[in-house]
Amino acid sequence: MRVLAWVVSNAIAIAVAAWLFDGIYFTGPTSGRPELTEKILPLLVVALIMGVVTAFVKPVMTILSIPFIILTLGLFLFVVNALMLLFVAWIADLVGIGFHVDGFWTAVGGAIVITVVDWVVDGVLGLDD
């Protein structure tokens, strides 16, 4: 049950980022019921991909970038998160899911939004316990 709540939490965070940034989007219909029905499964798959990347790739990237994190007083973590979001978009493209992130700065903004929304949703769902 925890895994399902975790995927839903990631999906909500990605959906909010896609809603706020024009450069983060899913291909397909852009309004109405067709948009919802055709984008819900790709959104959940991207959330699952993001969870796997966050669990396995991000810790390695964080450890390798410790000198930069210390030098920038932690701000380099924004870069790591943005690179993870770009990596998720790249994997989604390889798999054939229409998820796109246009550019590094869009990825930085999206990573910040995803992190904040994920914290809020986890708190509401009680996943922090």
Protein backbone atom coordinates (compact mmCIF):
# COMPACT_ATOMS: atom_id res chain seq x y z
CA MET A 1 0.00 0.00 0.00
CA ARG A 2 2.89 2.34 0.77
CA VAL A 3 4.31 1.90 -2.75
CA LEU A 4 0.98 2.84 -4.30
CA ALA A 5 0.75 5.98 -2.14
CA TRP A 6 4.34 6.82 -3.06
CA VAL A 7 3.61 6.50 -6.81
CA VAL A 8 0.44 8.59 -6.47
CA SER A 9 2.38 11.22 -4.52
CA ASN A 10 5.02 11.41 -7.27
CA ALA A 11 2.32 11.52 -9.95
CA ILE A 12 0.57 14.45 -8.27
CA ALA A 13 3.88 16.31 -7.97
CA ILE A 14 4.73 15.71 -11.65
CA ALA A 15 1.24 16.78 -12.72
CA VAL A 16 1.58 20.05 -10.78
CA ALA A 17 4.99 20.71 -12.35
CA ALA A 18 3.58 20.00 -15.82
CA TRP A 19 0.68 22.34 -15.07
CA LEU A 20 2.98 25.17 -13.89
CA PHE A 21 5.72 24.95 -16.55
CA ASP A 22 5.10 25.03 -20.29
CA GLY A 23 8.39 23.18 -20.84
CA ILE A 24 7.25 20.12 -18.88
CA TYR A 25 4.50 18.31 -20.72
CA PHE A 26 2.95 15.08 -21.92
CA THR A 27 2.10 14.68 -25.60
CA GLY A 28 -1.51 14.16 -26.54
CA PRO A 29 -4.78 16.05 -26.13
CA THR A 30 -4.54 19.33 -24.25
CA SER A 31 -7.99 19.71 -22.74
CA GLY A 32 -11.12 17.96 -21.62
CA ARG A 33 -11.80 14.36 -20.78
CA PRO A 34 -9.53 12.92 -23.53
CA GLU A 35 -6.57 14.66 -21.92
CA LEU A 36 -7.31 13.05 -18.58
CA THR A 37 -7.95 9.57 -19.93
CA GLU A 38 -4.92 9.50 -22.25
CA LYS A 39 -2.42 11.01 -19.83
CA ILE A 40 -3.19 9.28 -16.52
CA LEU A 41 -1.35 6.03 -17.34
CA PRO A 42 1.76 7.78 -18.75
CA LEU A 43 1.76 10.03 -15.67
CA LEU A 44 1.75 7.01 -13.36
CA VAL A 45 4.51 5.30 -15.38
CA VAL A 46 6.65 8.45 -15.28
CA ALA A 47 6.06 8.64 -11.52
CA LEU A 48 7.24 5.04 -11.21
CA ILE A 49 10.32 5.77 -13.34
CA MET A 50 11.05 8.81 -11.19
CA GLY A 51 10.80 6.71 -8.06
CA VAL A 52 13.24 4.14 -9.40
CA VAL A 53 15.68 6.84 -10.54
CA THR A 54 15.40 8.59 -7.19
CA ALA A 55 16.03 5.35 -5.33
CA PHE A 56 19.00 4.08 -7.34
CA VAL A 57 20.64 6.79 -9.46
CA LYS A 58 20.23 9.91 -7.32
CA PRO A 59 22.17 8.59 -4.29
CA VAL A 60 25.14 7.76 -6.52
CA MET A 61 25.01 11.20 -8.17
CA THR A 62 24.74 12.88 -4.77
CA ILE A 63 27.75 11.03 -3.38
CA LEU A 64 29.81 11.81 -6.48
CA SER A 65 28.92 15.50 -6.26
CA ILE A 66 29.65 15.99 -2.55
CA PRO A 67 32.55 18.41 -3.23
CA PHE A 68 30.27 20.62 -5.35
CA ILE A 69 27.49 20.40 -2.77
CA ILE A 70 29.87 21.54 -0.03
CA LEU A 71 31.37 24.27 -2.22
CA THR A 72 27.94 25.69 -3.11
CA LEU A 73 26.51 25.22 0.41
CA GLY A 74 23.98 22.70 -0.87
CA LEU A 75 22.73 24.60 -3.90
CA PHE A 76 24.24 22.01 -6.22
CA LEU A 77 21.49 19.64 -5.08
CA PHE A 78 19.15 21.69 -7.31
CA VAL A 79 21.38 20.75 -10.23
CA VAL A 80 21.33 17.08 -9.22
CA ASN A 81 17.52 17.12 -8.97
CA ALA A 82 17.21 18.86 -12.34
CA LEU A 83 19.52 16.29 -13.95
CA MET A 84 17.41 13.49 -12.46
CA LEU A 85 14.26 15.04 -13.96
CA LEU A 86 15.97 15.31 -17.36
CA PHE A 87 17.11 11.70 -17.00
CA VAL A 88 13.54 10.59 -16.25
CA ALA A 89 12.34 12.44 -19.37
CA TRP A 90 15.08 10.75 -21.41
CA ILE A 91 14.09 7.29 -20.13
CA ALA A 92 10.41 8.05 -20.78
CA ASP A 93 11.32 9.01 -24.34
CA LEU A 94 13.23 5.74 -24.81
CA VAL A 95 10.25 3.75 -23.57
CA GLY A 96 7.88 5.69 -25.81
CA ILE A 97 6.03 7.68 -23.18
CA GLY A 98 5.30 11.20 -24.33
CA PHE A 99 6.88 13.03 -21.38
CA HIS A 100 9.18 15.95 -22.18
CA VAL A 101 11.24 18.47 -20.26
CA ASP A 102 12.52 21.36 -22.38
CA GLY A 103 15.79 22.70 -21.08
CA PHE A 104 17.86 22.77 -17.94
CA TRP A 105 16.24 25.77 -16.24
CA THR A 106 12.79 24.32 -16.77
CA ALA A 107 14.10 21.14 -15.16
CA VAL A 108 15.43 23.13 -12.18
CA GLY A 109 12.07 24.82 -11.66
CA GLY A 110 10.22 21.55 -12.16
CA ALA A 111 12.47 19.74 -9.70
CA ILE A 112 11.83 22.40 -7.07
CA VAL A 113 8.07 22.21 -7.60
CA ILE A 114 8.10 18.40 -7.58
CA THR A 115 10.08 18.34 -4.33
CA VAL A 116 7.80 20.82 -2.56
CA VAL A 117 4.56 19.23 -3.77
CA ASP A 118 5.86 15.77 -2.89
CA TRP A 119 6.62 16.95 0.67
CA VAL A 120 3.13 18.43 1.01
CA VAL A 121 1.34 15.37 -0.41
CA ASP A 122 3.45 13.01 1.72
CA GLY A 123 2.50 15.06 4.78
CA VAL A 124 -1.20 15.00 3.90
CA LEU A 125 -1.16 11.25 3.20
CA GLY A 126 0.90 10.58 6.31
CA LEU A 127 3.80 9.02 4.42
CA ASP A 128 6.41 10.80 6.53
CA ASP A 129 5.63 8.62 9.55
